[in-house]
N, C-alpha and C. Protein backbone atom coordinates (compact mmCIF):
# COMPACT_ATOMS: atom_id res chain seq x y z
N UNK A 1 -6.33 -6.40 -10.62
CA UNK A 1 -5.13 -5.75 -10.13
C UNK A 1 -5.16 -5.73 -8.61
N UNK A 2 -3.99 -5.92 -8.01
CA UNK A 2 -3.83 -5.81 -6.57
C UNK A 2 -2.87 -4.66 -6.29
N UNK A 3 -3.29 -3.80 -5.37
CA UNK A 3 -2.43 -2.71 -4.91
C UNK A 3 -2.00 -3.05 -3.49
N UNK A 4 -0.69 -3.07 -3.27
CA UNK A 4 -0.14 -3.44 -1.97
C UNK A 4 -0.09 -2.22 -1.05
N UNK A 5 -0.69 -2.37 0.12
CA UNK A 5 -0.65 -1.31 1.12
C UNK A 5 0.75 -1.26 1.74
N UNK A 6 1.03 -0.16 2.40
CA UNK A 6 2.35 0.07 2.98
C UNK A 6 2.76 -1.05 3.93
N UNK A 7 1.84 -1.56 4.73
CA UNK A 7 2.21 -2.59 5.70
C UNK A 7 2.62 -3.90 5.04
N UNK A 8 2.12 -4.18 3.85
CA UNK A 8 2.51 -5.39 3.12
C UNK A 8 3.94 -5.25 2.61
N UNK A 9 4.23 -4.11 2.00
CA UNK A 9 5.59 -3.86 1.52
C UNK A 9 6.57 -3.82 2.70
N UNK A 10 6.18 -3.17 3.78
CA UNK A 10 7.06 -3.05 4.95
C UNK A 10 7.41 -4.42 5.54
N UNK A 11 6.50 -5.36 5.43
CA UNK A 11 6.73 -6.69 6.00
C UNK A 11 8.00 -7.33 5.43
N UNK A 12 8.25 -7.14 4.16
CA UNK A 12 9.43 -7.79 3.56
C UNK A 12 10.74 -7.16 4.02
N UNK A 13 10.67 -6.01 4.65
CA UNK A 13 11.88 -5.35 5.16
C UNK A 13 12.17 -5.70 6.62
N UNK A 14 11.28 -6.44 7.24
CA UNK A 14 11.50 -6.85 8.63
C UNK A 14 12.64 -7.86 8.68
N UNK A 15 13.36 -7.92 9.79
CA UNK A 15 14.44 -8.91 9.90
C UNK A 15 13.94 -10.34 9.70
N UNK A 16 12.75 -10.64 10.21
CA UNK A 16 12.15 -11.96 10.03
C UNK A 16 10.73 -11.78 9.50
N UNK A 17 10.58 -11.57 8.20
CA UNK A 17 9.23 -11.37 7.67
C UNK A 17 8.38 -12.63 7.84
N UNK A 18 7.10 -12.41 7.96
CA UNK A 18 6.15 -13.51 8.09
C UNK A 18 6.23 -14.38 6.83
N UNK A 19 6.65 -15.66 6.96
CA UNK A 19 6.80 -16.51 5.77
C UNK A 19 5.52 -16.63 4.94
N UNK A 20 4.38 -16.64 5.62
CA UNK A 20 3.10 -16.76 4.91
C UNK A 20 2.90 -15.57 3.96
N UNK A 21 3.27 -14.38 4.41
CA UNK A 21 3.12 -13.18 3.58
C UNK A 21 4.10 -13.21 2.42
N UNK A 22 5.33 -13.62 2.69
CA UNK A 22 6.34 -13.73 1.63
C UNK A 22 5.87 -14.73 0.57
N UNK A 23 5.34 -15.87 1.00
CA UNK A 23 4.83 -16.87 0.06
C UNK A 23 3.65 -16.32 -0.74
N UNK A 24 2.76 -15.60 -0.07
CA UNK A 24 1.61 -15.03 -0.76
C UNK A 24 2.06 -14.05 -1.83
N UNK A 25 3.01 -13.19 -1.49
CA UNK A 25 3.53 -12.23 -2.47
C UNK A 25 4.15 -12.95 -3.66
N UNK A 26 4.90 -14.00 -3.39
CA UNK A 26 5.55 -14.76 -4.47
C UNK A 26 4.53 -15.46 -5.36
N UNK A 27 3.35 -15.76 -4.82
CA UNK A 27 2.33 -16.48 -5.59
C UNK A 27 1.48 -15.58 -6.48
N UNK A 28 1.63 -14.28 -6.34
CA UNK A 28 0.77 -13.35 -7.09
C UNK A 28 1.06 -13.43 -8.59
N UNK A 29 -0.01 -13.44 -9.33
CA UNK A 29 0.07 -13.38 -10.79
C UNK A 29 -0.78 -12.21 -11.25
N UNK A 30 -0.48 -11.70 -12.41
CA UNK A 30 -1.25 -10.57 -12.92
C UNK A 30 -0.66 -9.26 -12.46
N UNK A 31 -1.47 -8.22 -12.56
CA UNK A 31 -1.01 -6.87 -12.24
C UNK A 31 -0.93 -6.65 -10.74
N UNK A 32 0.25 -6.24 -10.29
CA UNK A 32 0.47 -5.88 -8.90
C UNK A 32 1.11 -4.50 -8.92
N UNK A 33 0.61 -3.61 -8.07
CA UNK A 33 1.10 -2.23 -8.08
C UNK A 33 1.16 -1.71 -6.65
N UNK A 34 1.72 -0.52 -6.52
CA UNK A 34 1.66 0.22 -5.27
C UNK A 34 1.16 1.62 -5.59
N UNK A 35 0.58 2.25 -4.59
CA UNK A 35 0.14 3.63 -4.75
C UNK A 35 1.32 4.56 -4.50
N UNK A 36 1.33 5.68 -5.17
CA UNK A 36 2.38 6.68 -4.93
C UNK A 36 2.41 7.07 -3.46
N UNK A 37 1.26 7.04 -2.81
CA UNK A 37 1.17 7.35 -1.38
C UNK A 37 2.00 6.35 -0.57
N UNK A 38 1.95 5.08 -0.94
CA UNK A 38 2.74 4.05 -0.27
C UNK A 38 4.23 4.31 -0.46
N UNK A 39 4.62 4.65 -1.67
CA UNK A 39 6.02 4.98 -1.93
C UNK A 39 6.45 6.15 -1.04
N UNK A 40 5.62 7.17 -0.95
CA UNK A 40 5.93 8.33 -0.11
C UNK A 40 6.06 7.94 1.36
N UNK A 41 5.16 7.09 1.84
CA UNK A 41 5.24 6.66 3.24
C UNK A 41 6.53 5.89 3.52
N UNK A 42 6.90 5.01 2.60
CA UNK A 42 8.14 4.24 2.77
C UNK A 42 9.36 5.14 2.77
N UNK A 43 9.42 6.05 1.80
CA UNK A 43 10.57 6.95 1.70
C UNK A 43 10.66 7.87 2.91
N UNK A 44 9.53 8.39 3.36
CA UNK A 44 9.54 9.26 4.54
C UNK A 44 9.98 8.49 5.78
N UNK A 45 9.53 7.26 5.89
CA UNK A 45 9.91 6.44 7.04
C UNK A 45 11.41 6.22 7.13
N UNK A 46 12.03 5.91 6.01
CA UNK A 46 13.47 5.66 6.02
C UNK A 46 14.24 6.97 6.20
N UNK A 47 13.74 8.04 5.66
CA UNK A 47 14.44 9.33 5.78
C UNK A 47 14.33 9.93 7.18
N UNK A 48 13.39 9.43 7.98
CA UNK A 48 13.29 9.87 9.37
C UNK A 48 14.40 9.25 10.24
N UNK A 49 14.97 8.16 9.77
CA UNK A 49 16.02 7.49 10.54
C UNK A 49 17.28 8.34 10.57
N UNK A 50 18.04 8.23 11.65
CA UNK A 50 19.32 8.96 11.68
C UNK A 50 20.28 8.39 10.64
N UNK A 51 21.18 9.24 10.16
CA UNK A 51 22.19 8.77 9.22
C UNK A 51 22.94 7.59 9.85
N UNK A 52 23.28 6.64 8.99
CA UNK A 52 24.03 5.49 9.50
C UNK A 52 23.75 4.24 8.70
N UNK A 53 24.30 3.15 9.20
CA UNK A 53 24.23 1.88 8.49
C UNK A 53 22.79 1.38 8.30
N UNK A 54 21.98 1.49 9.33
CA UNK A 54 20.60 0.99 9.24
C UNK A 54 19.82 1.75 8.16
N UNK A 55 19.95 3.07 8.18
CA UNK A 55 19.26 3.88 7.17
C UNK A 55 19.76 3.54 5.76
N UNK A 56 21.07 3.43 5.61
CA UNK A 56 21.64 3.10 4.29
C UNK A 56 21.16 1.74 3.80
N UNK A 57 21.13 0.75 4.70
CA UNK A 57 20.70 -0.60 4.33
C UNK A 57 19.22 -0.61 3.94
N UNK A 58 18.39 0.05 4.73
CA UNK A 58 16.96 0.10 4.40
C UNK A 58 16.72 0.85 3.09
N UNK A 59 17.44 1.91 2.86
CA UNK A 59 17.32 2.65 1.60
C UNK A 59 17.66 1.75 0.42
N UNK A 60 18.74 1.00 0.56
CA UNK A 60 19.15 0.08 -0.51
C UNK A 60 18.09 -0.99 -0.74
N UNK A 61 17.57 -1.56 0.35
CA UNK A 61 16.57 -2.62 0.22
C UNK A 61 15.27 -2.10 -0.39
N UNK A 62 14.85 -0.91 0.01
CA UNK A 62 13.64 -0.32 -0.56
C UNK A 62 13.84 -0.04 -2.04
N UNK A 63 14.96 0.55 -2.39
CA UNK A 63 15.24 0.83 -3.80
C UNK A 63 15.22 -0.44 -4.64
N UNK A 64 15.83 -1.51 -4.12
CA UNK A 64 15.87 -2.79 -4.83
C UNK A 64 14.48 -3.39 -4.96
N UNK A 65 13.74 -3.41 -3.86
CA UNK A 65 12.41 -4.03 -3.87
C UNK A 65 11.42 -3.27 -4.74
N UNK A 66 11.56 -1.95 -4.81
CA UNK A 66 10.59 -1.15 -5.55
C UNK A 66 11.00 -0.87 -6.99
N UNK A 67 12.20 -1.25 -7.36
CA UNK A 67 12.67 -1.00 -8.74
C UNK A 67 11.71 -1.55 -9.79
N UNK A 68 11.20 -2.78 -9.63
CA UNK A 68 10.27 -3.28 -10.66
C UNK A 68 8.98 -2.46 -10.77
N UNK A 69 8.53 -1.92 -9.65
CA UNK A 69 7.31 -1.10 -9.67
C UNK A 69 7.59 0.24 -10.35
N UNK A 70 8.70 0.85 -9.98
CA UNK A 70 9.05 2.15 -10.56
C UNK A 70 9.35 2.01 -12.05
N UNK A 71 10.10 1.02 -12.43
CA UNK A 71 10.47 0.84 -13.83
C UNK A 71 9.31 0.39 -14.69
N UNK A 72 8.38 -0.34 -14.10
CA UNK A 72 7.27 -0.88 -14.87
C UNK A 72 6.01 -0.04 -14.81
N UNK A 73 6.13 1.18 -14.37
CA UNK A 73 4.98 2.09 -14.26
C UNK A 73 3.88 1.52 -13.37
N UNK A 74 4.29 0.82 -12.33
CA UNK A 74 3.32 0.22 -11.41
C UNK A 74 3.24 1.00 -10.10
N UNK A 75 3.68 2.24 -10.12
CA UNK A 75 3.44 3.16 -9.01
C UNK A 75 2.30 4.06 -9.48
N UNK A 76 1.13 3.83 -8.91
CA UNK A 76 -0.07 4.50 -9.39
C UNK A 76 -0.25 5.86 -8.73
N UNK A 77 -0.46 6.91 -9.53
CA UNK A 77 -0.53 8.27 -9.00
C UNK A 77 -1.90 8.58 -8.38
N UNK A 78 -1.88 9.59 -7.55
CA UNK A 78 -3.11 10.18 -7.05
C UNK A 78 -3.48 11.26 -8.06
N UNK A 79 -4.35 10.91 -9.01
CA UNK A 79 -4.68 11.81 -10.11
C UNK A 79 -6.09 12.37 -9.94
N UNK A 80 -6.62 12.97 -11.01
CA UNK A 80 -7.94 13.60 -10.92
C UNK A 80 -9.05 12.59 -10.66
N UNK A 81 -8.95 11.40 -11.24
CA UNK A 81 -9.97 10.38 -11.00
C UNK A 81 -9.90 9.92 -9.54
N UNK A 82 -8.70 9.71 -9.05
CA UNK A 82 -8.53 9.32 -7.65
C UNK A 82 -9.02 10.43 -6.71
N UNK A 83 -8.81 11.68 -7.10
CA UNK A 83 -9.28 12.80 -6.28
C UNK A 83 -10.80 12.77 -6.12
N UNK A 84 -11.50 12.43 -7.19
CA UNK A 84 -12.97 12.30 -7.12
C UNK A 84 -13.36 11.19 -6.15
N UNK A 85 -12.69 10.03 -6.25
CA UNK A 85 -12.99 8.91 -5.37
C UNK A 85 -12.62 9.25 -3.92
N UNK A 86 -11.52 9.98 -3.74
CA UNK A 86 -11.07 10.39 -2.41
C UNK A 86 -12.16 11.20 -1.71
N UNK A 87 -12.71 12.16 -2.42
CA UNK A 87 -13.77 13.00 -1.84
C UNK A 87 -14.95 12.14 -1.42
N UNK A 88 -15.33 11.18 -2.27
CA UNK A 88 -16.44 10.28 -1.94
C UNK A 88 -16.15 9.48 -0.67
N UNK A 89 -14.95 8.89 -0.61
CA UNK A 89 -14.56 8.06 0.54
C UNK A 89 -14.52 8.90 1.81
N UNK A 90 -13.88 10.03 1.75
CA UNK A 90 -13.71 10.88 2.93
C UNK A 90 -15.06 11.33 3.49
N UNK A 91 -15.92 11.82 2.62
CA UNK A 91 -17.23 12.32 3.07
C UNK A 91 -18.10 11.18 3.59
N UNK A 92 -18.10 10.05 2.91
CA UNK A 92 -18.91 8.91 3.36
C UNK A 92 -18.46 8.43 4.74
N UNK A 93 -17.17 8.34 4.94
CA UNK A 93 -16.66 7.88 6.24
C UNK A 93 -16.94 8.91 7.33
N UNK A 94 -16.82 10.19 7.01
CA UNK A 94 -17.14 11.23 8.00
C UNK A 94 -18.61 11.17 8.39
N UNK A 95 -19.49 11.03 7.40
CA UNK A 95 -20.93 10.96 7.67
C UNK A 95 -21.28 9.74 8.50
N UNK A 96 -20.54 8.65 8.31
CA UNK A 96 -20.79 7.42 9.06
C UNK A 96 -20.17 7.46 10.46
N UNK A 97 -19.43 8.53 10.75
CA UNK A 97 -18.78 8.64 12.05
C UNK A 97 -17.54 7.77 12.17
N UNK A 98 -16.98 7.38 11.03
CA UNK A 98 -15.76 6.55 11.03
C UNK A 98 -14.71 7.22 10.16
N UNK A 99 -14.09 8.28 10.68
CA UNK A 99 -13.11 9.00 9.88
C UNK A 99 -11.97 8.09 9.42
N UNK A 100 -11.30 8.51 8.38
CA UNK A 100 -10.21 7.74 7.78
C UNK A 100 -9.01 8.67 7.61
N UNK A 101 -7.82 8.12 7.77
CA UNK A 101 -6.62 8.96 7.61
C UNK A 101 -6.50 9.40 6.15
N UNK A 102 -5.81 10.50 5.95
CA UNK A 102 -5.61 11.02 4.59
C UNK A 102 -4.93 9.98 3.72
N UNK A 103 -3.86 9.37 4.22
CA UNK A 103 -3.12 8.38 3.42
C UNK A 103 -4.00 7.19 3.06
N UNK A 104 -4.75 6.65 4.02
CA UNK A 104 -5.62 5.51 3.73
C UNK A 104 -6.72 5.89 2.75
N UNK A 105 -7.28 7.09 2.89
CA UNK A 105 -8.31 7.54 1.94
C UNK A 105 -7.73 7.68 0.54
N UNK A 106 -6.50 8.16 0.44
CA UNK A 106 -5.86 8.29 -0.88
C UNK A 106 -5.59 6.92 -1.48
N UNK A 107 -5.10 5.98 -0.68
CA UNK A 107 -4.85 4.63 -1.19
C UNK A 107 -6.17 3.99 -1.62
N UNK A 108 -7.21 4.13 -0.81
CA UNK A 108 -8.52 3.60 -1.18
C UNK A 108 -9.01 4.22 -2.49
N UNK A 109 -8.82 5.51 -2.63
CA UNK A 109 -9.26 6.21 -3.84
C UNK A 109 -8.51 5.72 -5.07
N UNK A 110 -7.22 5.49 -4.94
CA UNK A 110 -6.43 4.96 -6.07
C UNK A 110 -6.91 3.56 -6.42
N UNK A 111 -7.20 2.75 -5.41
CA UNK A 111 -7.76 1.41 -5.67
C UNK A 111 -9.08 1.51 -6.43
N UNK A 112 -9.97 2.38 -5.97
CA UNK A 112 -11.26 2.55 -6.63
C UNK A 112 -11.10 3.06 -8.06
N UNK A 113 -10.19 3.99 -8.26
CA UNK A 113 -9.97 4.55 -9.59
C UNK A 113 -9.48 3.50 -10.58
N UNK A 114 -8.82 2.46 -10.07
CA UNK A 114 -8.27 1.42 -10.94
C UNK A 114 -9.05 0.11 -10.85
N UNK A 115 -10.12 0.09 -10.09
CA UNK A 115 -10.88 -1.14 -9.91
C UNK A 115 -10.04 -2.24 -9.28
N UNK A 116 -9.15 -1.86 -8.36
CA UNK A 116 -8.17 -2.78 -7.79
C UNK A 116 -8.57 -3.24 -6.39
N UNK A 117 -8.04 -4.39 -6.03
CA UNK A 117 -8.13 -4.92 -4.67
C UNK A 117 -6.97 -4.37 -3.86
N UNK A 118 -7.23 -4.02 -2.62
CA UNK A 118 -6.17 -3.53 -1.73
C UNK A 118 -5.72 -4.68 -0.83
N UNK A 119 -4.43 -4.99 -0.88
CA UNK A 119 -3.84 -5.98 0.02
C UNK A 119 -3.31 -5.25 1.24
N UNK A 120 -3.88 -5.55 2.40
CA UNK A 120 -3.50 -4.85 3.63
C UNK A 120 -3.74 -5.74 4.84
N UNK A 121 -2.96 -5.52 5.85
CA UNK A 121 -3.22 -6.18 7.13
C UNK A 121 -4.28 -5.39 7.90
N UNK A 122 -4.39 -4.12 7.61
CA UNK A 122 -5.29 -3.22 8.33
C UNK A 122 -6.64 -3.10 7.63
N UNK A 123 -7.34 -4.22 7.50
CA UNK A 123 -8.60 -4.20 6.76
C UNK A 123 -9.62 -3.26 7.40
N UNK A 124 -9.58 -3.12 8.71
CA UNK A 124 -10.55 -2.23 9.37
C UNK A 124 -10.39 -0.78 8.91
N UNK A 125 -9.17 -0.40 8.56
CA UNK A 125 -8.94 0.97 8.10
C UNK A 125 -9.60 1.26 6.76
N UNK A 126 -9.87 0.22 5.99
CA UNK A 126 -10.42 0.40 4.65
C UNK A 126 -11.88 -0.06 4.52
N UNK A 127 -12.44 -0.54 5.62
CA UNK A 127 -13.84 -0.98 5.57
C UNK A 127 -14.75 0.19 5.21
N UNK A 128 -15.81 -0.14 4.51
CA UNK A 128 -16.82 0.85 4.12
C UNK A 128 -16.26 1.93 3.19
N UNK A 129 -15.26 1.55 2.39
CA UNK A 129 -14.74 2.48 1.38
C UNK A 129 -15.16 2.04 -0.02
N UNK A 130 -15.70 0.83 -0.12
CA UNK A 130 -16.05 0.29 -1.43
C UNK A 130 -14.92 -0.47 -2.09
N UNK A 131 -13.77 -0.55 -1.42
CA UNK A 131 -12.61 -1.24 -1.97
C UNK A 131 -12.66 -2.71 -1.57
N UNK A 132 -12.42 -3.60 -2.53
CA UNK A 132 -12.28 -5.02 -2.22
C UNK A 132 -10.96 -5.19 -1.48
N UNK A 133 -10.98 -6.01 -0.41
CA UNK A 133 -9.80 -6.15 0.44
C UNK A 133 -9.34 -7.60 0.52
N UNK A 134 -8.03 -7.76 0.71
CA UNK A 134 -7.45 -9.07 0.99
C UNK A 134 -6.38 -8.86 2.05
N UNK A 135 -6.37 -9.74 3.04
CA UNK A 135 -5.37 -9.69 4.11
C UNK A 135 -4.36 -10.81 3.87
N UNK A 136 -3.14 -10.48 3.41
CA UNK A 136 -2.14 -11.51 3.11
C UNK A 136 -1.74 -12.35 4.32
N UNK A 137 -2.01 -11.88 5.52
CA UNK A 137 -1.69 -12.64 6.72
C UNK A 137 -2.74 -13.72 6.96
N UNK A 138 -3.87 -13.64 6.26
CA UNK A 138 -4.97 -14.57 6.52
C UNK A 138 -5.43 -15.37 5.31
N UNK A 139 -4.75 -15.25 4.18
CA UNK A 139 -5.15 -16.02 3.00
C UNK A 139 -4.16 -17.13 2.74
N UNK A 140 -4.60 -18.14 2.00
CA UNK A 140 -3.70 -19.21 1.60
C UNK A 140 -2.80 -18.71 0.48
N UNK A 141 -1.53 -19.08 0.56
CA UNK A 141 -0.57 -18.68 -0.48
C UNK A 141 -0.76 -19.52 -1.72
C-alpha cells in the first residue's frame, strides 16, 4: 500500500503540475490511500482562502480528486494502533534531537500501522521514522 502525503496530492492542484509526478500517480497499481491528516490539511488550506472564485474552484477540484478515496474507504484514520506508533515515532525523534511535526508524525504512524510506504517530496521529514519512503519527483513513472 502507498499512502500519499499532502504535498503529492497538492501537486495535482497546481496550475502546472510536474508531469513526472502526474505520470507516476497514473502508473500506480494496487492499494493507494491518504491519511485523514492529509485530508484535514487539504481542507484547512482551502478554507483559509478568502471567499471567491479561487476558493470555490479549489474546493471543487479537491472534492473531485478525493471522491474515490472517500468513497472507497481509502482515507485512513488516526486510530488506536496509529496512536501507539505515533508515540514511538515522536519519542524516538525527540531523543535523537530531530523533532517531527505533529502532522508528519501522525502520517508516519498511519503508514506504520498499515505497513504502507509514504509517497512524499519531503523525505527528510520522515527519515528515521521506520516508514518506507518514495519520492514521486525522483522515481521513474
